[in-house]
C-alpha atoms as a PDB file:
ATOM      1  CA  ILE A   1      -0.197   0.375   0.034  1.00  0.00           C
ATOM      2  CA  LYS A   2       2.661   2.232   0.792  1.00  0.00           C
ATOM      3  CA  ALA A   3       4.385   1.221  -2.619  1.00  0.00           C
ATOM      4  CA  ALA A   4       1.129   2.461  -4.180  1.00  0.00           C
ATOM      5  CA  GLN A   5       0.822   5.455  -2.267  1.00  0.00           C
ATOM      6  CA  SER A   6       4.503   6.446  -3.461  1.00  0.00           C
ATOM      7  CA  GLY A   7       3.266   6.347  -7.121  1.00  0.00           C
ATOM      8  CA  LYS A   8       4.824   3.123  -7.952  1.00  0.00           C
ATOM      9  CA  HIS A   9       3.866   0.591  -9.847  1.00  0.00           C
ATOM     10  CA  ILE A  10       3.923  -3.575  -8.089  1.00  0.00           C
ATOM     11  CA  LEU A  11       5.330  -6.539  -8.825  1.00  0.00           C
ATOM     12  CA  CYS A  12       4.946  -8.300  -5.725  1.00  0.00           C
ATOM     13  CA  GLU A  13       6.247 -12.078  -5.146  1.00  0.00           C
ATOM     14  CA  LYS A  14       3.198 -14.622  -4.335  1.00  0.00           C
ATOM     15  CA  SER A  15       1.194 -14.631  -1.942  1.00  0.00           C
ATOM     16  CA  VAL A  16       0.470 -10.811  -2.059  1.00  0.00           C
ATOM     17  CA  SER A  17      -2.446 -11.042   0.372  1.00  0.00           C
ATOM     18  CA  LEU A  18      -3.141 -13.379   3.524  1.00  0.00           C
ATOM     19  CA  SER A  19      -6.717 -12.649   3.109  1.00  0.00           C
ATOM     20  CA  TYR A  20      -9.559 -11.908   0.464  1.00  0.00           C
ATOM     21  CA  ASN A  21     -10.320  -8.226   2.465  1.00  0.00           C
ATOM     22  CA  SER A  22      -6.534  -7.213   2.194  1.00  0.00           C
ATOM     23  CA  ALA A  23      -6.390  -7.797  -1.760  1.00  0.00           C
ATOM     24  CA  LYS A  24      -9.620  -5.617  -2.038  1.00  0.00           C
ATOM     25  CA  LYS A  25      -8.050  -2.825  -0.230  1.00  0.00           C
ATOM     26  CA  ILE A  26      -4.614  -3.161  -1.964  1.00  0.00           C
ATOM     27  CA  ILE A  27      -6.666  -3.071  -5.205  1.00  0.00           C
ATOM     28  CA  LYS A  28      -8.258  -0.067  -4.198  1.00  0.00           C
ATOM     29  CA  GLU A  29      -5.419   1.631  -3.215  1.00  0.00           C
ATOM     30  CA  CYS A  30      -3.741   0.864  -6.860  1.00  0.00           C
ATOM     31  CA  LYS A  31      -6.633   2.431  -8.529  1.00  0.00           C
ATOM     32  CA  LYS A  32      -7.034   5.797  -6.630  1.00  0.00           C
ATOM     33  CA  ASN A  33      -3.301   6.128  -7.421  1.00  0.00           C
ATOM     34  CA  HIS A  34      -3.487   5.005 -10.900  1.00  0.00           C
ATOM     35  CA  VAL A  35      -0.561   2.271 -10.440  1.00  0.00           C
ATOM     36  CA  LEU A  36      -0.723  -1.034 -11.392  1.00  0.00           C
ATOM     37  CA  ILE A  37      -0.118  -4.260  -9.308  1.00  0.00           C
ATOM     38  CA  LYS A  38       0.629  -7.841 -10.609  1.00  0.00           C
ATOM     39  CA  GLU A  39       0.780 -11.163  -8.397  1.00  0.00           C
ATOM     40  CA  ASN A  40       3.935 -12.541  -9.295  1.00  0.00           C
ATOM     41  CA  PHE A  41       3.109 -16.325 -10.701  1.00  0.00           C
ATOM     42  CA  THR A  42       6.108 -15.965 -13.460  1.00  0.00           C
ATOM     43  CA  PHE A  43       5.001 -20.180 -14.514  1.00  0.00           C
ATOM     44  CA  LYS A  44       2.082 -18.489 -16.773  1.00  0.00           C
ATOM     45  CA  LEU A  45       4.853 -16.369 -19.270  1.00  0.00           C
ATOM     46  CA  HIS A  46       6.474 -19.257 -19.398  1.00  0.00           C
ATOM     47  CA  PRO A  47       5.697 -20.502 -23.435  1.00  0.00           C
ATOM     48  CA  GLN A  48       4.934 -24.743 -22.174  1.00  0.00           C
ATOM     49  CA  HIS A  49       2.195 -23.589 -20.791  1.00  0.00           C
ATOM     50  CA  GLU A  50       0.718 -21.486 -24.156  1.00  0.00           C
ATOM     51  CA  LYS A  51       1.626 -24.241 -26.079  1.00  0.00           C
ATOM     52  CA  ILE A  52      -0.668 -26.429 -23.561  1.00  0.00           C
ATOM     53  CA  LEU A  53      -3.324 -24.100 -23.721  1.00  0.00           C
ATOM     54  CA  LYS A  54      -3.252 -24.147 -27.817  1.00  0.00           C
ATOM     55  CA  LEU A  55      -3.821 -28.135 -27.420  1.00  0.00           C
ATOM     56  CA  VAL A  56      -6.937 -27.653 -25.112  1.00  0.00           C
ATOM     57  CA  LYS A  57      -8.220 -25.082 -27.413  1.00  0.00           C
ATOM     58  CA  LYS A  58      -7.287 -27.332 -30.363  1.00  0.00           C
ATOM     59  CA  ASP A  59      -9.435 -30.393 -28.636  1.00  0.00           C
ATOM     60  CA  THR A  60      -6.431 -32.146 -28.808  1.00  0.00           C
ATOM     61  CA  ILE A  61      -7.722 -34.008 -25.641  1.00  0.00           C
ATOM     62  CA  GLY A  62     -11.566 -33.691 -26.057  1.00  0.00           C
ATOM     63  CA  ASN A  63     -13.320 -32.576 -23.436  1.00  0.00           C
ATOM     64  CA  ILE A  64     -11.737 -31.650 -20.472  1.00  0.00           C
ATOM     65  CA  HIS A  65     -12.705 -33.265 -16.954  1.00  0.00           C
ATOM     66  CA  THR A  66      -9.740 -33.266 -14.596  1.00  0.00           C
ATOM     67  CA  PHE A  67      -6.836 -31.049 -14.043  1.00  0.00           C
ATOM     68  CA  SER A  68      -4.644 -33.010 -11.520  1.00  0.00           C
ATOM     69  CA  ALA A  69      -1.204 -30.905 -10.115  1.00  0.00           C
ATOM     70  CA  ARG A  70       1.665 -31.507  -7.708  1.00  0.00           C
ATOM     71  CA  TYR A  71       4.703 -29.374  -6.542  1.00  0.00           C
ATOM     72  CA  GLY A  72       6.371 -30.037  -3.516  1.00  0.00           C
ATOM     73  CA  PHE A  73       9.908 -30.983  -2.300  1.00  0.00           C
ATOM     74  CA  ASN A  74      11.758 -31.503   0.865  1.00  0.00           C
ATOM     75  CA  LEU A  75      12.565 -28.587   2.902  1.00  0.00           C
ATOM     76  CA  PRO A  76      14.378 -28.917   6.161  1.00  0.00           C
ATOM     77  CA  PHE A  77      13.377 -27.085   8.787  1.00  0.00           C
ATOM     78  CA  SER A  78      15.421 -23.698   9.666  1.00  0.00           C
ATOM     79  CA  LYS A  79      14.385 -20.687  11.674  1.00  0.00           C
ATOM     80  CA  LYS A  80      15.575 -18.225   9.327  1.00  0.00           C
ATOM     81  CA  ASN A  81      13.689 -20.005   6.772  1.00  0.00           C
ATOM     82  CA  LEU A  82      10.760 -17.119   6.308  1.00  0.00           C
ATOM     83  CA  ARG A  83       8.636 -20.082   4.729  1.00  0.00           C
ATOM     84  CA  PHE A  84       8.177 -21.572   8.544  1.00  0.00           C
ATOM     85  CA  ASN A  85       7.352 -17.751  10.076  1.00  0.00           C
ATOM     86  CA  LYS A  86       3.411 -17.280  10.764  1.00  0.00           C
ATOM     87  CA  LYS A  87       3.900 -13.926  11.324  1.00  0.00           C
ATOM     88  CA  LEU A  88       5.048 -13.524   7.821  1.00  0.00           C
ATOM     89  CA  GLY A  89       2.581 -15.763   6.271  1.00  0.00           C
ATOM     90  CA  GLY A  90       4.771 -18.825   5.967  1.00  0.00           C
ATOM     91  CA  GLY A  91       3.284 -21.674   5.376  1.00  0.00           C
ATOM     92  CA  SER A  92       2.795 -24.497   2.118  1.00  0.00           C
ATOM     93  CA  LEU A  93       0.034 -23.091   1.404  1.00  0.00           C
ATOM     94  CA  ASN A  94       0.942 -19.679   0.765  1.00  0.00           C
ATOM     95  CA  ASP A  95       4.457 -20.829  -0.523  1.00  0.00           C
ATOM     96  CA  VAL A  96       3.906 -23.873  -3.076  1.00  0.00           C
ATOM     97  CA  GLY A  97      -0.400 -24.720  -3.170  1.00  0.00           C
ATOM     98  CA  CYS A  98      -1.141 -20.862  -4.127  1.00  0.00           C
ATOM     99  CA  TYR A  99       0.526 -22.273  -7.456  1.00  0.00           C
ATOM    100  CA  LEU A 100      -1.354 -25.168  -8.265  1.00  0.00           C
ATOM    101  CA  ILE A 101      -4.997 -23.063  -7.432  1.00  0.00           C
ATOM    102  CA  SER A 102      -3.565 -20.450 -10.110  1.00  0.00           C
ATOM    103  CA  ALA A 103      -2.362 -23.000 -12.631  1.00  0.00           C
ATOM    104  CA  CYS A 104      -5.885 -24.934 -12.416  1.00  0.00           C
ATOM    105  CA  MET A 105      -7.610 -21.159 -13.201  1.00  0.00           C
ATOM    106  CA  PHE A 106      -5.846 -20.581 -14.937  1.00  0.00           C
ATOM    107  CA  ILE A 107      -6.061 -23.446 -17.700  1.00  0.00           C
ATOM    108  CA  PHE A 108      -9.718 -23.698 -17.004  1.00  0.00           C
ATOM    109  CA  ASN A 109      -9.683 -19.798 -17.642  1.00  0.00           C
ATOM    110  CA  ASP A 110     -12.680 -20.049 -15.284  1.00  0.00           C
ATOM    111  CA  ILE A 111     -12.971 -20.028 -10.809  1.00  0.00           C
ATOM    112  CA  PRO A 112     -14.265 -22.993  -9.091  1.00  0.00           C
ATOM    113  CA  ARG A 113     -17.875 -22.861  -7.510  1.00  0.00           C
ATOM    114  CA  SER A 114     -16.862 -24.840  -4.253  1.00  0.00           C
ATOM    115  CA  VAL A 115     -13.230 -25.716  -2.428  1.00  0.00           C
ATOM    116  CA  PHE A 116     -12.473 -28.114   0.006  1.00  0.00           C
ATOM    117  CA  CYS A 117      -8.815 -27.839   1.509  1.00  0.00           C
ATOM    118  CA  ASN A 118      -7.010 -29.917   3.995  1.00  0.00           C
ATOM    119  CA  LEU A 119      -3.822 -28.481   5.945  1.00  0.00           C
ATOM    120  CA  ASN A 120      -1.350 -30.717   7.904  1.00  0.00           C
ATOM    121  CA  MET A 121      -0.467 -28.432  10.730  1.00  0.00           C
ATOM    122  CA  ASN A 122       2.999 -28.118  12.713  1.00  0.00           C
ATOM    123  CA  LYS A 123       1.584 -27.234  15.922  1.00  0.00           C
ATOM    124  CA  LYS A 124       4.796 -26.355  17.202  1.00  0.00           C
ATOM    125  CA  LEU A 125       5.178 -23.751  14.332  1.00  0.00           C
ATOM    126  CA  GLY A 126       1.513 -22.710  13.761  1.00  0.00           C
ATOM    127  CA  VAL A 127       2.150 -22.994   9.974  1.00  0.00           C
ATOM    128  CA  ASP A 128       0.619 -25.870   7.649  1.00  0.00           C
ATOM    129  CA  ILE A 129       3.574 -28.140   5.945  1.00  0.00           C
ATOM    130  CA  SER A 130       1.489 -29.957   3.307  1.00  0.00           C
ATOM    131  CA  GLY A 131      -1.603 -30.345   2.278  1.00  0.00           C
ATOM    132  CA  ASN A 132      -4.322 -31.361  -0.439  1.00  0.00           C
ATOM    133  CA  ILE A 133      -7.500 -29.116  -2.107  1.00  0.00           C
ATOM    134  CA  LEU A 134     -10.214 -30.351  -4.462  1.00  0.00           C
ATOM    135  CA  LEU A 135     -12.222 -27.615  -6.425  1.00  0.00           C
ATOM    136  CA  ASN A 136     -14.993 -28.048  -8.045  1.00  0.00           C
ATOM    137  CA  PHE A 137     -16.044 -25.756 -11.320  1.00  0.00           C
ATOM    138  CA  THR A 138     -19.286 -26.086 -13.899  1.00  0.00           C
ATOM    139  CA  ASN A 139     -19.602 -28.681 -16.278  1.00  0.00           C
ATOM    140  CA  ASN A 140     -18.381 -31.304 -14.218  1.00  0.00           C
ATOM    141  CA  ARG A 141     -14.668 -29.920 -14.067  1.00  0.00           C
ATOM    142  CA  ILE A 142     -12.185 -30.578 -11.190  1.00  0.00           C
ATOM    143  CA  GLY A 143      -8.770 -29.679  -9.874  1.00  0.00           C
ATOM    144  CA  ILE A 144      -6.870 -32.249  -7.998  1.00  0.00           C
ATOM    145  CA  LEU A 145      -4.300 -30.304  -6.216  1.00  0.00           C
ATOM    146  CA  SER A 146      -1.455 -31.725  -3.647  1.00  0.00           C
ATOM    147  CA  PHE A 147       1.360 -30.121  -1.980  1.00  0.00           C
ATOM    148  CA  GLY A 148       3.762 -29.712   0.684  1.00  0.00           C
ATOM    149  CA  TYR A 149       7.580 -29.426   2.277  1.00  0.00           C
ATOM    150  CA  GLU A 150       7.972 -33.028   3.106  1.00  0.00           C
ATOM    151  CA  ASN A 151       7.567 -35.024  -0.181  1.00  0.00           C
ATOM    152  CA  TYR A 152       9.842 -36.240  -3.189  1.00  0.00           C
ATOM    153  CA  PHE A 153      10.359 -33.424  -5.775  1.00  0.00           C
ATOM    154  CA  GLN A 154       7.566 -32.683  -8.091  1.00  0.00           C
ATOM    155  CA  SER A 155       6.361 -29.624  -9.822  1.00  0.00           C
ATOM    156  CA  THR A 156       4.070 -30.959 -12.674  1.00  0.00           C
ATOM    157  CA  TYR A 157       0.282 -31.131 -13.404  1.00  0.00           C
ATOM    158  CA  ASP A 158      -1.655 -33.141 -16.008  1.00  0.00           C
ATOM    159  CA  ILE A 159      -5.162 -32.563 -18.018  1.00  0.00           C
ATOM    160  CA  TRP A 160      -7.165 -35.442 -18.121  1.00  0.00           C
ATOM    161  CA  GLY A 161      -9.664 -35.570 -21.399  1.00  0.00           C
ATOM    162  CA  ASN A 162     -11.906 -37.839 -22.667  1.00  0.00           C
ATOM    163  CA  ARG A 163      -9.752 -38.298 -25.459  1.00  0.00           C
ATOM    164  CA  GLY A 164      -6.440 -38.563 -23.970  1.00  0.00           C
ATOM    165  CA  ILE A 165      -3.835 -36.919 -21.068  1.00  0.00           C
ATOM    166  CA  ILE A 166      -1.187 -33.852 -21.902  1.00  0.00           C
ATOM    167  CA  LYS A 167       1.255 -33.600 -18.829  1.00  0.00           C
ATOM    168  CA  SER A 168       4.136 -30.813 -18.360  1.00  0.00           C
ATOM    169  CA  GLU A 169       6.780 -32.628 -16.607  1.00  0.00           C
ATOM    170  CA  ARG A 170       8.430 -29.416 -15.133  1.00  0.00           C
ATOM    171  CA  ALA A 171       5.390 -26.832 -14.467  1.00  0.00           C
ATOM    172  CA  PHE A 172       6.229 -24.542 -12.347  1.00  0.00           C
ATOM    173  CA  ASN A 173      10.375 -24.065 -11.634  1.00  0.00           C
ATOM    174  CA  PRO A 174      11.835 -24.890 -15.058  1.00  0.00           C
ATOM    175  CA  LYS A 175      15.533 -23.848 -14.557  1.00  0.00           C
ATOM    176  CA  ASP A 176      16.539 -21.265 -17.616  1.00  0.00           C
ATOM    177  CA  LYS A 177      18.834 -23.211 -19.437  1.00  0.00           C
ATOM    178  CA  MET A 178      16.042 -26.533 -18.994  1.00  0.00           C
ATOM    179  CA  LYS A 179      13.954 -27.740 -22.054  1.00  0.00           C
ATOM    180  CA  SER A 180      10.770 -28.541 -20.632  1.00  0.00           C
ATOM    181  CA  ILE A 181       8.799 -31.618 -22.039  1.00  0.00           C
ATOM    182  CA  ILE A 182       4.905 -31.374 -22.950  1.00  0.00           C
ATOM    183  CA  SER A 183       3.563 -35.084 -23.077  1.00  0.00           C
ATOM    184  CA  VAL A 184      -0.074 -35.952 -24.644  1.00  0.00           C
ATOM    185  CA  ASN A 185      -0.875 -38.934 -24.476  1.00  0.00           C
ATOM    186  CA  GLN A 186      -3.683 -40.738 -26.816  1.00  0.00           C
ATOM    187  CA  ASN A 187      -4.654 -44.367 -27.301  1.00  0.00           C
ATOM    188  CA  ASP A 188      -1.241 -45.593 -25.416  1.00  0.00           C
ATOM    189  CA  ILE A 189       0.815 -43.891 -27.883  1.00  0.00           C
ATOM    190  CA  VAL A 190       2.642 -40.778 -25.827  1.00  0.00           C
ATOM    191  CA  ARG A 191       4.199 -37.947 -28.284  1.00  0.00           C
ATOM    192  CA  LYS A 192       6.746 -35.932 -26.848  1.00  0.00           C
ATOM    193  CA  ILE A 193       7.034 -31.955 -27.249  1.00  0.00           C
ATOM    194  CA  ILE A 194      10.328 -29.911 -26.819  1.00  0.00           C
ATOM    195  CA  ILE A 195      10.036 -26.962 -25.717  1.00  0.00           C
ATOM    196  CA  PRO A 196      13.098 -24.825 -25.966  1.00  0.00           C
ATOM    197  CA  GLU A 197      15.135 -22.803 -22.562  1.00  0.00           C
ATOM    198  CA  SER A 198      13.379 -19.939 -21.591  1.00  0.00           C
ATOM    199  CA  ASN A 199      13.709 -17.304 -18.549  1.00  0.00           C
ATOM    200  CA  GLN A 200      10.234 -16.876 -17.047  1.00  0.00           C
ATOM    201  CA  PHE A 201      11.379 -14.071 -14.904  1.00  0.00           C
ATOM    202  CA  GLN A 202      12.449 -12.417 -17.551  1.00  0.00           C
ATOM    203  CA  LEU A 203       9.403 -12.799 -19.482  1.00  0.00           C
ATOM    204  CA  THR A 204       7.114 -11.595 -16.494  1.00  0.00           C
ATOM    205  CA  ILE A 205       9.182  -8.645 -15.817  1.00  0.00           C
ATOM    206  CA  GLU A 206       8.815  -7.566 -19.884  1.00  0.00           C
ATOM    207  CA  ASN A 207       5.210  -8.192 -19.669  1.00  0.00           C
ATOM    208  CA  PHE A 208       4.739  -5.928 -16.770  1.00  0.00           C
ATOM    209  CA  CYS A 209       7.120  -3.319 -17.829  1.00  0.00           C
ATOM    210  CA  SER A 210       5.334  -3.602 -21.083  1.00  0.00           C
ATOM    211  CA  ALA A 211       1.478  -3.034 -19.464  1.00  0.00           C
ATOM    212  CA  ILE A 212       3.259  -0.267 -17.663  1.00  0.00           C
ATOM    213  CA  GLN A 213       4.303   1.712 -21.281  1.00  0.00           C
ATOM    214  CA  LYS A 214       1.523   1.187 -22.743  1.00  0.00           C
ATOM    215  CA  ASN A 215      -0.273   2.977 -19.605  1.00  0.00           C
ATOM    216  CA  SER A 216      -2.862  -0.114 -19.814  1.00  0.00           C
ATOM    217  CA  ARG A 217      -5.777  -1.250 -17.124  1.00  0.00           C
ATOM    218  CA  LYS A 218      -7.188  -3.608 -19.932  1.00  0.00           C
ATOM    219  CA  CYS A 219      -4.386  -6.213 -18.768  1.00  0.00           C
ATOM    220  CA  ASN A 220      -6.277  -8.826 -16.524  1.00  0.00           C
ATOM    221  CA  PHE A 221      -3.295  -8.508 -13.297  1.00  0.00           C
ATOM    222  CA  GLU A 222      -6.288  -7.397 -10.673  1.00  0.00           C
ATOM    223  CA  LYS A 223      -9.038  -9.678 -11.667  1.00  0.00           C
ATOM    224  CA  GLU A 224      -6.384 -12.111 -11.471  1.00  0.00           C
ATOM    225  CA  PHE A 225      -4.927 -11.389  -8.090  1.00  0.00           C
ATOM    226  CA  LEU A 226      -8.561 -10.884  -6.770  1.00  0.00           C
ATOM    227  CA  ASN A 227      -9.558 -14.571  -8.048  1.00  0.00           C
ATOM    228  CA  GLN A 228      -6.176 -15.911  -6.709  1.00  0.00           C
ATOM    229  CA  ALA A 229      -7.245 -14.095  -3.186  1.00  0.00           C
ATOM    230  CA  LEU A 230     -10.802 -15.387  -3.236  1.00  0.00           C
ATOM    231  CA  ILE A 231     -10.146 -18.774  -3.678  1.00  0.00           C
ATOM    232  CA  MET A 232      -7.272 -18.881  -1.155  1.00  0.00           C
ATOM    233  CA  ASN A 233      -9.517 -17.626   1.281  1.00  0.00           C
ATOM    234  CA  ALA A 234     -12.032 -19.761   0.504  1.00  0.00           C
ATOM    235  CA  ALA A 235      -9.370 -22.640   1.110  1.00  0.00           C
ATOM    236  CA  ARG A 236      -8.210 -21.492   4.499  1.00  0.00           C
ATOM    237  CA  ASN A 237     -11.650 -21.045   5.627  1.00  0.00           C
ATOM    238  CA  SER A 238     -12.167 -24.758   4.260  1.00  0.00           C
ATOM    239  CA  ASN A 239      -9.023 -26.299   6.604  1.00  0.00           C
ATOM    240  CA  ILE A 240     -10.460 -24.117   9.725  1.00  0.00           C
ATOM    241  CA  LYS A 241     -13.782 -24.808   9.081  1.00  0.00           C
ATOM    242  CA  ASN A 242     -13.532 -28.625   7.772  1.00  0.00           C
ATOM    243  CA  SER A 243     -15.922 -27.839   5.313  1.00  0.00           C
ATOM    244  CA  VAL A 244     -16.829 -27.230   1.589  1.00  0.00           C
ATOM    245  CA  ILE A 245     -16.446 -23.455   0.870  1.00  0.00           C
ATOM    246  CA  TYR A 246     -19.284 -22.529  -2.311  1.00  0.00           C
ATOM    247  CA  ILE A 247     -17.859 -19.166  -4.247  1.00  0.00           C
ATOM    248  CA  LYS A 248     -20.933 -16.457  -4.639  1.00  0.00           C
ATOM    249  CA  ASN A 249     -21.051 -15.282  -8.284  1.00  0.00           C
END
């Protein structure tokens, strides 16, 4: 908010806010001061996801029913690591689970109608160290998401249609000099699509700077940020209440 009040455009690392109301206040202040804000999910600018969206739109795997994603790793405990600091918004949901929510809405181009979330809490630290989320969308589409800090490394998602499966082998954090692999499985025949090396951080900054230079408020930055905050908030509430949270239109 102080950055917005100083007239600075904001590219902020995820997760930007810890509540939906906080996100609305931030956006209100940004609009008031005529600055842009973008929640920094760099993976969206990697060309592999653009290719996957094209495959989906071409009806390559037919009607899509399920988006399934995993993002996790083994993270040794350290008091110096902000991921374990409750006051700073630590925890696996805010750190890695948020990617999966963002990716699911990105692929479906929609927000879920209901959310159920179960988080495994470290009571001593007061933060979640792993979790699972079920997102229900219209047209019988679902998102099945798993994440955490006590896992063999995974950074992947697959899209399951009635005529095949599309999978991103390294969805969220490909290295700069790493080629990305997309697998398309149809009739038990797997086709590999190789995407050249790409720096998703550079692409994100260039995209944000372009929006600033064009003085554009037509970009979806604010809408994406607000939708993300809405579903993250629902996930937190679902875990606390141990119940399904329905999203109002």
